[in-house]
Amino acid sequence: MSTWTRIADVTDVPLLEGRSVELHGRRIAIFRLPDGWAATDAACPHRGGPLQDGIVADSCVTCPLHQRRFDLRSGAQVGGEDRVAMHEVQERDGGLWVRLAVAARVAA
């Protein structure tokens, strides 16, 4: 998908926290990091845990259900083989804009 979509105001996401939105039928998690933004699919590939509710530290988010940790720069699981889709995100005129990546396969 090549379309940029405005999903929120920058003030909607506190520093080192995540929020989720639905965009084109997908649940997306957006995170505010000290040096910018990250956007992923909101469901952990392990068991569908809500990544937007996870703890954010060291540019990673930890799934609140089973503590799997994902790098918010690459989408790779730290110390594992799972990954989450990463979406492009931009801050423009006080808004957050996302361009979706191709859907990732979710492990059962």
C-alpha atoms as a PDB file:
ATOM      1  CA  MET A   1       0.000   0.000   0.000  1.00  0.00           C
ATOM      2  CA  SER A   2       1.538   3.325  -1.010  1.00  0.00           C
ATOM      3  CA  THR A   3      -0.951   5.771   0.532  1.00  0.00           C
ATOM      4  CA  TRP A   4      -0.104   7.914   3.539  1.00  0.00           C
ATOM      5  CA  THR A   5      -2.986   8.210   6.038  1.00  0.00           C
ATOM      6  CA  ARG A   6      -3.266  10.583   8.987  1.00  0.00           C
ATOM      7  CA  ILE A   7      -3.977   8.461  12.055  1.00  0.00           C
ATOM      8  CA  ALA A   8      -3.593  10.736  15.103  1.00  0.00           C
ATOM      9  CA  ASP A   9      -2.278  13.958  16.566  1.00  0.00           C
ATOM     10  CA  VAL A  10       1.267  13.813  17.928  1.00  0.00           C
ATOM     11  CA  THR A  11      -0.137  14.736  21.352  1.00  0.00           C
ATOM     12  CA  ASP A  12      -2.227  11.522  21.388  1.00  0.00           C
ATOM     13  CA  VAL A  13       0.825   9.333  22.099  1.00  0.00           C
ATOM     14  CA  PRO A  14       2.890  10.052  25.251  1.00  0.00           C
ATOM     15  CA  LEU A  15       6.651   9.506  25.239  1.00  0.00           C
ATOM     16  CA  LEU A  16       7.624   5.818  25.632  1.00  0.00           C
ATOM     17  CA  GLU A  17       4.048   4.620  25.220  1.00  0.00           C
ATOM     18  CA  GLY A  18       1.977   3.068  22.467  1.00  0.00           C
ATOM     19  CA  ARG A  19      -1.532   3.542  21.140  1.00  0.00           C
ATOM     20  CA  SER A  20      -3.492   1.567  18.580  1.00  0.00           C
ATOM     21  CA  VAL A  21      -5.675   2.541  15.657  1.00  0.00           C
ATOM     22  CA  GLU A  22      -7.438   0.616  12.921  1.00  0.00           C
ATOM     23  CA  LEU A  23      -6.269   1.456   9.427  1.00  0.00           C
ATOM     24  CA  HIS A  24      -7.615  -0.220   6.276  1.00  0.00           C
ATOM     25  CA  GLY A  25      -8.771  -3.260   8.262  1.00  0.00           C
ATOM     26  CA  ARG A  26      -5.517  -3.653  10.223  1.00  0.00           C
ATOM     27  CA  ARG A  27      -4.875  -2.843  13.870  1.00  0.00           C
ATOM     28  CA  ILE A  28      -1.710  -0.720  14.055  1.00  0.00           C
ATOM     29  CA  ALA A  29       0.356   0.193  17.136  1.00  0.00           C
ATOM     30  CA  ILE A  30       2.152   3.535  17.111  1.00  0.00           C
ATOM     31  CA  PHE A  31       4.955   4.266  19.576  1.00  0.00           C
ATOM     32  CA  ARG A  32       6.624   7.517  20.586  1.00  0.00           C
ATOM     33  CA  LEU A  33      10.345   7.040  21.128  1.00  0.00           C
ATOM     34  CA  PRO A  34      12.839   9.625  22.427  1.00  0.00           C
ATOM     35  CA  ASP A  35      14.190  10.084  18.897  1.00  0.00           C
ATOM     36  CA  GLY A  36      11.046   9.658  16.789  1.00  0.00           C
ATOM     37  CA  TRP A  37       8.191   7.292  16.018  1.00  0.00           C
ATOM     38  CA  ALA A  38       7.632   3.622  15.231  1.00  0.00           C
ATOM     39  CA  ALA A  39       4.551   1.828  13.923  1.00  0.00           C
ATOM     40  CA  THR A  40       3.942  -1.931  13.896  1.00  0.00           C
ATOM     41  CA  ASP A  41       1.063  -4.334  13.571  1.00  0.00           C
ATOM     42  CA  ALA A  42      -0.567  -4.253  16.993  1.00  0.00           C
ATOM     43  CA  ALA A  43      -0.850  -8.025  17.556  1.00  0.00           C
ATOM     44  CA  CYS A  44       2.137  -9.959  18.848  1.00  0.00           C
ATOM     45  CA  PRO A  45       2.829 -12.807  16.401  1.00  0.00           C
ATOM     46  CA  HIS A  46       3.140 -15.284  19.299  1.00  0.00           C
ATOM     47  CA  ARG A  47      -0.427 -15.206  20.659  1.00  0.00           C
ATOM     48  CA  GLY A  48      -1.900 -11.904  19.502  1.00  0.00           C
ATOM     49  CA  GLY A  49      -1.005  -9.882  22.592  1.00  0.00           C
ATOM     50  CA  PRO A  50      -1.665  -6.120  22.417  1.00  0.00           C
ATOM     51  CA  LEU A  51       1.766  -4.658  21.672  1.00  0.00           C
ATOM     52  CA  GLN A  52       0.488  -1.096  22.124  1.00  0.00           C
ATOM     53  CA  ASP A  53       0.088  -1.912  25.833  1.00  0.00           C
ATOM     54  CA  GLY A  54       3.646  -3.214  26.188  1.00  0.00           C
ATOM     55  CA  ILE A  55       6.538  -1.567  27.994  1.00  0.00           C
ATOM     56  CA  VAL A  56       8.746   0.520  25.696  1.00  0.00           C
ATOM     57  CA  ALA A  57      12.468   0.739  26.517  1.00  0.00           C
ATOM     58  CA  ASP A  58      15.721   0.767  24.538  1.00  0.00           C
ATOM     59  CA  SER A  59      13.830   1.107  21.211  1.00  0.00           C
ATOM     60  CA  CYS A  60      11.967  -2.144  21.930  1.00  0.00           C
ATOM     61  CA  VAL A  61       8.466  -3.080  23.043  1.00  0.00           C
ATOM     62  CA  THR A  62       7.757  -6.031  25.328  1.00  0.00           C
ATOM     63  CA  CYS A  63       4.497  -7.896  24.776  1.00  0.00           C
ATOM     64  CA  PRO A  64       2.421  -7.695  27.977  1.00  0.00           C
ATOM     65  CA  LEU A  65       1.202 -11.306  27.689  1.00  0.00           C
ATOM     66  CA  HIS A  66       4.344 -13.420  27.345  1.00  0.00           C
ATOM     67  CA  GLN A  67       7.212 -10.909  27.494  1.00  0.00           C
ATOM     68  CA  ARG A  68       8.424 -11.361  23.923  1.00  0.00           C
ATOM     69  CA  ARG A  69      10.484  -8.315  23.006  1.00  0.00           C
ATOM     70  CA  PHE A  70      10.482  -6.671  19.562  1.00  0.00           C
ATOM     71  CA  ASP A  71      12.928  -4.144  18.150  1.00  0.00           C
ATOM     72  CA  LEU A  72      10.940  -1.070  17.057  1.00  0.00           C
ATOM     73  CA  ARG A  73      13.454  -0.269  14.315  1.00  0.00           C
ATOM     74  CA  SER A  74      13.476  -3.628  12.523  1.00  0.00           C
ATOM     75  CA  GLY A  75      10.431  -5.543  13.826  1.00  0.00           C
ATOM     76  CA  ALA A  76      12.657  -8.497  14.784  1.00  0.00           C
ATOM     77  CA  GLN A  77      12.089 -10.384  18.010  1.00  0.00           C
ATOM     78  CA  VAL A  78      15.026  -9.965  20.374  1.00  0.00           C
ATOM     79  CA  GLY A  79      16.451 -13.450  20.947  1.00  0.00           C
ATOM     80  CA  GLY A  80      13.886 -15.186  18.753  1.00  0.00           C
ATOM     81  CA  GLU A  81      12.649 -15.737  15.226  1.00  0.00           C
ATOM     82  CA  ASP A  82       9.285 -13.932  15.229  1.00  0.00           C
ATOM     83  CA  ARG A  83       8.861 -10.464  13.771  1.00  0.00           C
ATOM     84  CA  VAL A  84       6.197  -7.817  13.445  1.00  0.00           C
ATOM     85  CA  ALA A  85       5.483  -5.796  10.326  1.00  0.00           C
ATOM     86  CA  MET A  86       6.946  -2.296  10.493  1.00  0.00           C
ATOM     87  CA  HIS A  87       5.068   0.598   8.919  1.00  0.00           C
ATOM     88  CA  GLU A  88       6.464   3.913   7.804  1.00  0.00           C
ATOM     89  CA  VAL A  89       5.460   6.807  10.058  1.00  0.00           C
ATOM     90  CA  GLN A  90       5.954  10.549   9.693  1.00  0.00           C
ATOM     91  CA  GLU A  91       5.165  13.543  11.855  1.00  0.00           C
ATOM     92  CA  ARG A  92       3.698  16.386   9.757  1.00  0.00           C
ATOM     93  CA  ASP A  93       1.943  19.566  10.859  1.00  0.00           C
ATOM     94  CA  GLY A  94       1.141  18.159  14.310  1.00  0.00           C
ATOM     95  CA  GLY A  95      -0.212  14.893  12.906  1.00  0.00           C
ATOM     96  CA  LEU A  96       1.026  11.324  12.605  1.00  0.00           C
ATOM     97  CA  TRP A  97       0.903   9.789   9.142  1.00  0.00           C
ATOM     98  CA  VAL A  98       1.369   6.084   8.392  1.00  0.00           C
ATOM     99  CA  ARG A  99       2.011   4.136   5.210  1.00  0.00           C
ATOM    100  CA  LEU A 100       1.250   0.441   5.703  1.00  0.00           C
ATOM    101  CA  ALA A 101       3.709  -2.326   4.936  1.00  0.00           C
ATOM    102  CA  VAL A 102       2.677  -5.583   3.313  1.00  0.00           C
ATOM    103  CA  ALA A 103       0.835  -7.833   5.795  1.00  0.00           C
ATOM    104  CA  ALA A 104       3.119 -10.132   7.780  1.00  0.00           C
ATOM    105  CA  ARG A 105       2.342 -13.802   8.328  1.00  0.00           C
ATOM    106  CA  VAL A 106       1.249 -14.455  11.885  1.00  0.00           C
ATOM    107  CA  ALA A 107       2.492 -17.622  13.579  1.00  0.00           C
ATOM    108  CA  ALA A 108      -0.097 -19.858  15.213  1.00  0.00           C
END
